[in-house]
């Protein structure tokens, strides 16, 4: 039961990340802020959850990161569009 709940939460976070990134290139902190904004403060995604989600989606080929100065900018990959 606990494993199913964890997978549901990961899936929800993945969906929210993809929704935000679909609008255009964005860095991690802005993704977290945008999720909080569109959920009217219902979801507050800490870095410890956000970045593993971003890397998980990158490993699956759904996102790609481009380094711009000191931060990564995330965009949908060609495969996920």
PDB file of N, CA and C in Angstrom:
ATOM      1  N   UNK A   1       0.824  -1.202   0.000  1.00  0.00           N
ATOM      2  CA  UNK A   1       0.000   0.000   0.000  1.00  0.00           C
ATOM      3  C   UNK A   1       0.863   1.259   0.000  1.00  0.00           C
ATOM      4  N   UNK A   2       1.888   1.290   0.847  1.00  0.00           N
ATOM      5  CA  UNK A   2       2.775   2.457   0.921  1.00  0.00           C
ATOM      6  C   UNK A   2       3.520   2.667  -0.396  1.00  0.00           C
ATOM      7  N   UNK A   3       3.932   1.575  -1.043  1.00  0.00           N
ATOM      8  CA  UNK A   3       4.624   1.659  -2.334  1.00  0.00           C
ATOM      9  C   UNK A   3       3.709   2.269  -3.393  1.00  0.00           C
ATOM     10  N   UNK A   4       2.439   1.880  -3.403  1.00  0.00           N
ATOM     11  CA  UNK A   4       1.484   2.435  -4.361  1.00  0.00           C
ATOM     12  C   UNK A   4       1.294   3.939  -4.145  1.00  0.00           C
ATOM     13  N   UNK A   5       1.244   4.360  -2.888  1.00  0.00           N
ATOM     14  CA  UNK A   5       1.086   5.778  -2.567  1.00  0.00           C
ATOM     15  C   UNK A   5       2.308   6.565  -3.047  1.00  0.00           C
ATOM     16  N   UNK A   6       3.503   6.019  -2.842  1.00  0.00           N
ATOM     17  CA  UNK A   6       4.733   6.675  -3.285  1.00  0.00           C
ATOM     18  C   UNK A   6       4.751   6.822  -4.794  1.00  0.00           C
ATOM     19  N   UNK A   7       4.357   5.778  -5.519  1.00  0.00           N
ATOM     20  CA  UNK A   7       4.325   5.838  -6.984  1.00  0.00           C
ATOM     21  C   UNK A   7       3.290   6.847  -7.478  1.00  0.00           C
ATOM     22  N   UNK A   8       2.167   6.937  -6.793  1.00  0.00           N
ATOM     23  CA  UNK A   8       1.141   7.921  -7.154  1.00  0.00           C
ATOM     24  C   UNK A   8       1.688   9.330  -6.995  1.00  0.00           C
ATOM     25  N   UNK A   9       2.372   9.586  -5.894  1.00  0.00           N
ATOM     26  CA  UNK A   9       2.940  10.904  -5.666  1.00  0.00           C
ATOM     27  C   UNK A   9       4.010  11.239  -6.706  1.00  0.00           C
ATOM     28  N   UNK A  10       4.850  10.276  -7.056  1.00  0.00           N
ATOM     29  CA  UNK A  10       5.860  10.492  -8.091  1.00  0.00           C
ATOM     30  C   UNK A  10       5.192  10.796  -9.426  1.00  0.00           C
ATOM     31  N   UNK A  11       4.164  10.067  -9.748  1.00  0.00           N
ATOM     32  CA  UNK A  11       3.445  10.289 -11.005  1.00  0.00           C
ATOM     33  C   UNK A  11       2.787  11.652 -11.057  1.00  0.00           C
ATOM     34  N   UNK A  12       2.239  12.097  -9.934  1.00  0.00           N
ATOM     35  CA  UNK A  12       1.620  13.415  -9.869  1.00  0.00           C
ATOM     36  C   UNK A  12       2.665  14.505 -10.049  1.00  0.00           C
ATOM     37  N   UNK A  13       3.801  14.358  -9.383  1.00  0.00           N
ATOM     38  CA  UNK A  13       4.878  15.334  -9.519  1.00  0.00           C
ATOM     39  C   UNK A  13       5.392  15.360 -10.955  1.00  0.00           C
ATOM     40  N   UNK A  14       5.572  14.194 -11.548  1.00  0.00           N
ATOM     41  CA  UNK A  14       6.031  14.129 -12.942  1.00  0.00           C
ATOM     42  C   UNK A  14       5.077  14.873 -13.865  1.00  0.00           C
ATOM     43  N   UNK A  15       3.785  14.666 -13.675  1.00  0.00           N
ATOM     44  CA  UNK A  15       2.781  15.326 -14.511  1.00  0.00           C
ATOM     45  C   UNK A  15       2.836  16.839 -14.333  1.00  0.00           C
ATOM     46  N   UNK A  16       2.965  17.302 -13.104  1.00  0.00           N
ATOM     47  CA  UNK A  16       3.032  18.732 -12.839  1.00  0.00           C
ATOM     48  C   UNK A  16       4.287  19.355 -13.459  1.00  0.00           C
ATOM     49  N   UNK A  17       5.411  18.660 -13.344  1.00  0.00           N
ATOM     50  CA  UNK A  17       6.653  19.153 -13.938  1.00  0.00           C
ATOM     51  C   UNK A  17       6.499  19.260 -15.445  1.00  0.00           C
ATOM     52  N   UNK A  18       5.984  18.219 -16.076  1.00  0.00           N
ATOM     53  CA  UNK A  18       5.822  18.228 -17.533  1.00  0.00           C
ATOM     54  C   UNK A  18       4.869  19.336 -17.978  1.00  0.00           C
ATOM     55  N   UNK A  19       3.824  19.563 -17.206  1.00  0.00           N
ATOM     56  CA  UNK A  19       2.871  20.634 -17.541  1.00  0.00           C
ATOM     57  C   UNK A  19       3.560  21.990 -17.532  1.00  0.00           C
ATOM     58  N   UNK A  20       4.379  22.244 -16.533  1.00  0.00           N
ATOM     59  CA  UNK A  20       5.065  23.531 -16.424  1.00  0.00           C
ATOM     60  C   UNK A  20       6.117  23.682 -17.520  1.00  0.00           C
ATOM     61  N   UNK A  21       6.901  22.640 -17.755  1.00  0.00           N
ATOM     62  CA  UNK A  21       7.986  22.712 -18.736  1.00  0.00           C
ATOM     63  C   UNK A  21       7.441  22.808 -20.158  1.00  0.00           C
ATOM     64  N   UNK A  22       6.235  22.333 -20.396  1.00  0.00           N
ATOM     65  CA  UNK A  22       5.640  22.375 -21.737  1.00  0.00           C
ATOM     66  C   UNK A  22       5.466  23.805 -22.257  1.00  0.00           C
ATOM     67  N   UNK A  23       5.401  24.774 -21.357  1.00  0.00           N
ATOM     68  CA  UNK A  23       5.214  26.163 -21.773  1.00  0.00           C
ATOM     69  C   UNK A  23       6.498  26.827 -22.256  1.00  0.00           C
ATOM     70  N   UNK A  24       7.631  26.189 -22.018  1.00  0.00           N
ATOM     71  CA  UNK A  24       8.890  26.758 -22.490  1.00  0.00           C
ATOM     72  C   UNK A  24      10.028  26.489 -21.530  1.00  0.00           C
ATOM     73  N   UNK A  25      11.248  26.808 -21.943  1.00  0.00           N
ATOM     74  CA  UNK A  25      12.429  26.570 -21.109  1.00  0.00           C
ATOM     75  C   UNK A  25      12.299  27.260 -19.749  1.00  0.00           C
ATOM     76  N   UNK A  26      12.689  26.554 -18.700  1.00  0.00           N
ATOM     77  CA  UNK A  26      12.521  27.077 -17.340  1.00  0.00           C
ATOM     78  C   UNK A  26      13.523  26.386 -16.418  1.00  0.00           C
ATOM     79  N   UNK A  27      14.020  27.094 -15.439  1.00  0.00           N
ATOM     80  CA  UNK A  27      14.961  26.485 -14.502  1.00  0.00           C
ATOM     81  C   UNK A  27      14.218  25.897 -13.304  1.00  0.00           C
ATOM     82  N   UNK A  28      14.924  25.065 -12.540  1.00  0.00           N
ATOM     83  CA  UNK A  28      14.295  24.282 -11.476  1.00  0.00           C
ATOM     84  C   UNK A  28      13.534  25.081 -10.443  1.00  0.00           C
ATOM     85  N   UNK A  29      14.146  26.144  -9.921  1.00  0.00           N
ATOM     86  CA  UNK A  29      13.465  26.939  -8.903  1.00  0.00           C
ATOM     87  C   UNK A  29      12.166  27.524  -9.452  1.00  0.00           C
ATOM     88  N   UNK A  30      12.198  27.982 -10.701  1.00  0.00           N
ATOM     89  CA  UNK A  30      10.992  28.546 -11.316  1.00  0.00           C
ATOM     90  C   UNK A  30       9.923  27.477 -11.514  1.00  0.00           C
ATOM     91  N   UNK A  31      10.334  26.241 -11.782  1.00  0.00           N
ATOM     92  CA  UNK A  31       9.361  25.134 -11.895  1.00  0.00           C
ATOM     93  C   UNK A  31       8.641  24.960 -10.567  1.00  0.00           C
ATOM     94  N   UNK A  32       9.412  24.929  -9.484  1.00  0.00           N
ATOM     95  CA  UNK A  32       8.833  24.776  -8.155  1.00  0.00           C
ATOM     96  C   UNK A  32       7.868  25.915  -7.839  1.00  0.00           C
ATOM     97  N   UNK A  33       8.266  27.138  -8.146  1.00  0.00           N
ATOM     98  CA  UNK A  33       7.414  28.306  -7.894  1.00  0.00           C
ATOM     99  C   UNK A  33       6.147  28.270  -8.738  1.00  0.00           C
ATOM    100  N   UNK A  34       6.277  27.850  -9.989  1.00  0.00           N
ATOM    101  CA  UNK A  34       5.118  27.796 -10.900  1.00  0.00           C
ATOM    102  C   UNK A  34       4.122  26.726 -10.436  1.00  0.00           C
ATOM    103  N   UNK A  35       4.630  25.573  -9.993  1.00  0.00           N
ATOM    104  CA  UNK A  35       3.732  24.525  -9.473  1.00  0.00           C
ATOM    105  C   UNK A  35       2.979  25.051  -8.257  1.00  0.00           C
ATOM    106  N   UNK A  36       3.671  25.744  -7.383  1.00  0.00           N
ATOM    107  CA  UNK A  36       3.021  26.317  -6.204  1.00  0.00           C
ATOM    108  C   UNK A  36       1.971  27.347  -6.622  1.00  0.00           C
ATOM    109  N   UNK A  37       2.295  28.146  -7.624  1.00  0.00           N
ATOM    110  CA  UNK A  37       1.372  29.180  -8.083  1.00  0.00           C
ATOM    111  C   UNK A  37       0.114  28.586  -8.726  1.00  0.00           C
ATOM    112  N   UNK A  38       0.292  27.631  -9.653  1.00  0.00           N
ATOM    113  CA  UNK A  38      -0.882  27.098 -10.348  1.00  0.00           C
ATOM    114  C   UNK A  38      -1.747  26.226  -9.443  1.00  0.00           C
ATOM    115  N   UNK A  39      -1.152  25.698  -8.364  1.00  0.00           N
ATOM    116  CA  UNK A  39      -1.938  24.892  -7.423  1.00  0.00           C
ATOM    117  C   UNK A  39      -2.488  25.747  -6.272  1.00  0.00           C
ATOM    118  N   UNK A  40      -2.291  27.053  -6.383  1.00  0.00           N
ATOM    119  CA  UNK A  40      -2.746  27.987  -5.341  1.00  0.00           C
ATOM    120  C   UNK A  40      -2.227  27.578  -3.972  1.00  0.00           C
ATOM    121  N   UNK A  41      -0.926  27.306  -3.936  1.00  0.00           N
ATOM    122  CA  UNK A  41      -0.181  26.945  -2.718  1.00  0.00           C
ATOM    123  C   UNK A  41      -0.535  25.574  -2.150  1.00  0.00           C
ATOM    124  N   UNK A  42      -1.283  24.757  -2.889  1.00  0.00           N
ATOM    125  CA  UNK A  42      -1.599  23.410  -2.412  1.00  0.00           C
ATOM    126  C   UNK A  42      -0.361  22.521  -2.457  1.00  0.00           C
ATOM    127  N   UNK A  43       0.390  22.605  -3.566  1.00  0.00           N
ATOM    128  CA  UNK A  43       1.634  21.843  -3.704  1.00  0.00           C
ATOM    129  C   UNK A  43       2.813  22.775  -3.497  1.00  0.00           C
ATOM    130  N   UNK A  44       3.671  22.431  -2.551  1.00  0.00           N
ATOM    131  CA  UNK A  44       4.924  23.126  -2.345  1.00  0.00           C
ATOM    132  C   UNK A  44       6.015  22.080  -2.504  1.00  0.00           C
ATOM    133  N   UNK A  45       6.745  22.153  -3.599  1.00  0.00           N
ATOM    134  CA  UNK A  45       7.702  21.101  -3.961  1.00  0.00           C
ATOM    135  C   UNK A  45       9.099  21.511  -3.514  1.00  0.00           C
ATOM    136  N   UNK A  46       9.642  20.836  -2.496  1.00  0.00           N
ATOM    137  CA  UNK A  46      11.001  21.161  -2.058  1.00  0.00           C
ATOM    138  C   UNK A  46      12.037  20.622  -3.046  1.00  0.00           C
ATOM    139  N   UNK A  47      13.245  21.181  -2.997  1.00  0.00           N
ATOM    140  CA  UNK A  47      14.314  20.751  -3.900  1.00  0.00           C
ATOM    141  C   UNK A  47      14.573  19.253  -3.804  1.00  0.00           C
ATOM    142  N   UNK A  48      14.445  18.702  -2.612  1.00  0.00           N
ATOM    143  CA  UNK A  48      14.701  17.282  -2.401  1.00  0.00           C
ATOM    144  C   UNK A  48      13.723  16.369  -3.129  1.00  0.00           C
ATOM    145  N   UNK A  49      12.608  16.909  -3.567  1.00  0.00           N
ATOM    146  CA  UNK A  49      11.644  16.150  -4.373  1.00  0.00           C
ATOM    147  C   UNK A  49      11.692  16.558  -5.835  1.00  0.00           C
ATOM    148  N   UNK A  50      11.900  17.854  -6.072  1.00  0.00           N
ATOM    149  CA  UNK A  50      11.864  18.372  -7.441  1.00  0.00           C
ATOM    150  C   UNK A  50      12.996  17.808  -8.297  1.00  0.00           C
ATOM    151  N   UNK A  51      14.226  17.919  -7.820  1.00  0.00           N
ATOM    152  CA  UNK A  51      15.353  17.526  -8.660  1.00  0.00           C
ATOM    153  C   UNK A  51      15.407  16.026  -8.958  1.00  0.00           C
ATOM    154  N   UNK A  52      15.086  15.153  -7.997  1.00  0.00           N
ATOM    155  CA  UNK A  52      14.988  13.734  -8.379  1.00  0.00           C
ATOM    156  C   UNK A  52      13.917  13.510  -9.451  1.00  0.00           C
ATOM    157  N   UNK A  53      12.816  14.262  -9.381  1.00  0.00           N
ATOM    158  CA  UNK A  53      11.775  14.160 -10.411  1.00  0.00           C
ATOM    159  C   UNK A  53      12.276  14.630 -11.768  1.00  0.00           C
ATOM    160  N   UNK A  54      13.002  15.736 -11.784  1.00  0.00           N
ATOM    161  CA  UNK A  54      13.563  16.239 -13.037  1.00  0.00           C
ATOM    162  C   UNK A  54      14.537  15.234 -13.646  1.00  0.00           C
ATOM    163  N   UNK A  55      15.413  14.677 -12.805  1.00  0.00           N
ATOM    164  CA  UNK A  55      16.396  13.706 -13.310  1.00  0.00           C
ATOM    165  C   UNK A  55      15.719  12.409 -13.759  1.00  0.00           C
ATOM    166  N   UNK A  56      14.641  12.019 -13.063  1.00  0.00           N
ATOM    167  CA  UNK A  56      13.896  10.826 -13.464  1.00  0.00           C
ATOM    168  C   UNK A  56      13.289  11.029 -14.857  1.00  0.00           C
ATOM    169  N   UNK A  57      12.702  12.194 -15.096  1.00  0.00           N
ATOM    170  CA  UNK A  57      12.119  12.497 -16.399  1.00  0.00           C
ATOM    171  C   UNK A  57      13.189  12.635 -17.484  1.00  0.00           C
ATOM    172  N   UNK A  58      14.354  13.142 -17.111  1.00  0.00           N
ATOM    173  CA  UNK A  58      15.458  13.228 -18.064  1.00  0.00           C
ATOM    174  C   UNK A  58      15.947  11.823 -18.433  1.00  0.00           C
ATOM    175  N   UNK A  59      16.048  10.939 -17.431  1.00  0.00           N
ATOM    176  CA  UNK A  59      16.463   9.551 -17.692  1.00  0.00           C
ATOM    177  C   UNK A  59      15.483   8.832 -18.607  1.00  0.00           C
ATOM    178  N   UNK A  60      14.223   9.160 -18.509  1.00  0.00           N
ATOM    179  CA  UNK A  60      13.194   8.546 -19.361  1.00  0.00           C
ATOM    180  C   UNK A  60      13.150   9.157 -20.761  1.00  0.00           C
ATOM    181  N   UNK A  61      13.884  10.248 -20.947  1.00  0.00           N
ATOM    182  CA  UNK A  61      13.928  10.894 -22.254  1.00  0.00           C
ATOM    183  C   UNK A  61      12.831  11.917 -22.474  1.00  0.00           C
ATOM    184  N   UNK A  62      12.128  12.314 -21.425  1.00  0.00           N
ATOM    185  CA  UNK A  62      11.018  13.257 -21.559  1.00  0.00           C
ATOM    186  C   UNK A  62      11.453  14.701 -21.409  1.00  0.00           C
ATOM    187  N   UNK A  63      12.573  14.938 -20.715  1.00  0.00           N
ATOM    188  CA  UNK A  63      13.106  16.278 -20.534  1.00  0.00           C
ATOM    189  C   UNK A  63      14.574  16.287 -20.914  1.00  0.00           C
ATOM    190  N   UNK A  64      15.055  17.476 -21.241  1.00  0.00           N
ATOM    191  CA  UNK A  64      16.491  17.626 -21.412  1.00  0.00           C
ATOM    192  C   UNK A  64      16.918  18.902 -20.703  1.00  0.00           C
ATOM    193  N   UNK A  65      18.126  18.863 -20.152  1.00  0.00           N
ATOM    194  CA  UNK A  65      18.659  20.010 -19.425  1.00  0.00           C
ATOM    195  C   UNK A  65      19.766  20.648 -20.239  1.00  0.00           C
ATOM    196  N   UNK A  66      19.774  21.956 -20.244  1.00  0.00           N
ATOM    197  CA  UNK A  66      20.833  22.726 -20.872  1.00  0.00           C
ATOM    198  C   UNK A  66      21.412  23.627 -19.790  1.00  0.00           C
ATOM    199  N   UNK A  67      22.721  23.595 -19.633  1.00  0.00           N
ATOM    200  CA  UNK A  67      23.338  24.431 -18.608  1.00  0.00           C
ATOM    201  C   UNK A  67      23.490  25.854 -19.105  1.00  0.00           C
ATOM    202  N   UNK A  68      22.960  26.779 -18.342  1.00  0.00           N
ATOM    203  CA  UNK A  68      23.059  28.206 -18.636  1.00  0.00           C
ATOM    204  C   UNK A  68      23.643  28.875 -17.396  1.00  0.00           C
ATOM    205  N   UNK A  69      24.862  29.277 -17.487  1.00  0.00           N
ATOM    206  CA  UNK A  69      25.617  29.831 -16.377  1.00  0.00           C
ATOM    207  C   UNK A  69      25.690  28.822 -15.251  1.00  0.00           C
ATOM    208  N   UNK A  70      25.069  29.104 -14.136  1.00  0.00           N
ATOM    209  CA  UNK A  70      25.179  28.246 -12.959  1.00  0.00           C
ATOM    210  C   UNK A  70      23.933  27.410 -12.706  1.00  0.00           C
ATOM    211  N   UNK A  71      23.013  27.427 -13.645  1.00  0.00           N
ATOM    212  CA  UNK A  71      21.783  26.663 -13.435  1.00  0.00           C
ATOM    213  C   UNK A  71      21.416  25.881 -14.694  1.00  0.00           C
ATOM    214  N   UNK A  72      20.613  24.861 -14.505  1.00  0.00           N
ATOM    215  CA  UNK A  72      20.117  24.074 -15.630  1.00  0.00           C
ATOM    216  C   UNK A  72      18.772  24.616 -16.076  1.00  0.00           C
ATOM    217  N   UNK A  73      18.598  24.710 -17.372  1.00  0.00           N
ATOM    218  CA  UNK A  73      17.313  25.118 -17.945  1.00  0.00           C
ATOM    219  C   UNK A  73      16.692  23.868 -18.548  1.00  0.00           C
ATOM    220  N   UNK A  74      15.463  23.579 -18.167  1.00  0.00           N
ATOM    221  CA  UNK A  74      14.779  22.351 -18.571  1.00  0.00           C
ATOM    222  C   UNK A  74      13.816  22.623 -19.706  1.00  0.00           C
ATOM    223  N   UNK A  75      13.814  21.723 -20.686  1.00  0.00           N
ATOM    224  CA  UNK A  75      12.889  21.805 -21.817  1.00  0.00           C
ATOM    225  C   UNK A  75      12.388  20.402 -22.135  1.00  0.00           C
ATOM    226  N   UNK A  76      11.219  20.301 -22.780  1.00  0.00           N
ATOM    227  CA  UNK A  76      10.758  18.973 -23.206  1.00  0.00           C
ATOM    228  C   UNK A  76      11.729  18.439 -24.262  1.00  0.00           C
ATOM    229  N   UNK A  77      11.948  17.142 -24.246  1.00  0.00           N
ATOM    230  CA  UNK A  77      12.778  16.548 -25.287  1.00  0.00           C
ATOM    231  C   UNK A  77      11.922  16.353 -26.532  1.00  0.00           C
ATOM    232  N   UNK A  78      12.561  16.107 -27.660  1.00  0.00           N
ATOM    233  CA  UNK A  78      11.830  15.876 -28.916  1.00  0.00           C
ATOM    234  C   UNK A  78      10.937  14.667 -28.815  1.00  0.00           C
ATOM    235  N   UNK A  79      11.341  13.677 -28.028  1.00  0.00           N
ATOM    236  CA  UNK A  79      10.583  12.441 -27.883  1.00  0.00           C
ATOM    237  C   UNK A  79       9.255  12.693 -27.194  1.00  0.00           C
ATOM    238  N   UNK A  80       9.237  13.620 -26.215  1.00  0.00           N
ATOM    239  CA  UNK A  80       8.018  13.815 -25.421  1.00  0.00           C
ATOM    240  C   UNK A  80       7.026  14.773 -26.064  1.00  0.00           C
ATOM    241  N   UNK A  81       7.420  15.463 -27.100  1.00  0.00           N
ATOM    242  CA  UNK A  81       6.522  16.455 -27.714  1.00  0.00           C
ATOM    243  C   UNK A  81       5.494  15.816 -28.576  1.00  0.00           C
TER     244      UNK A  81
END
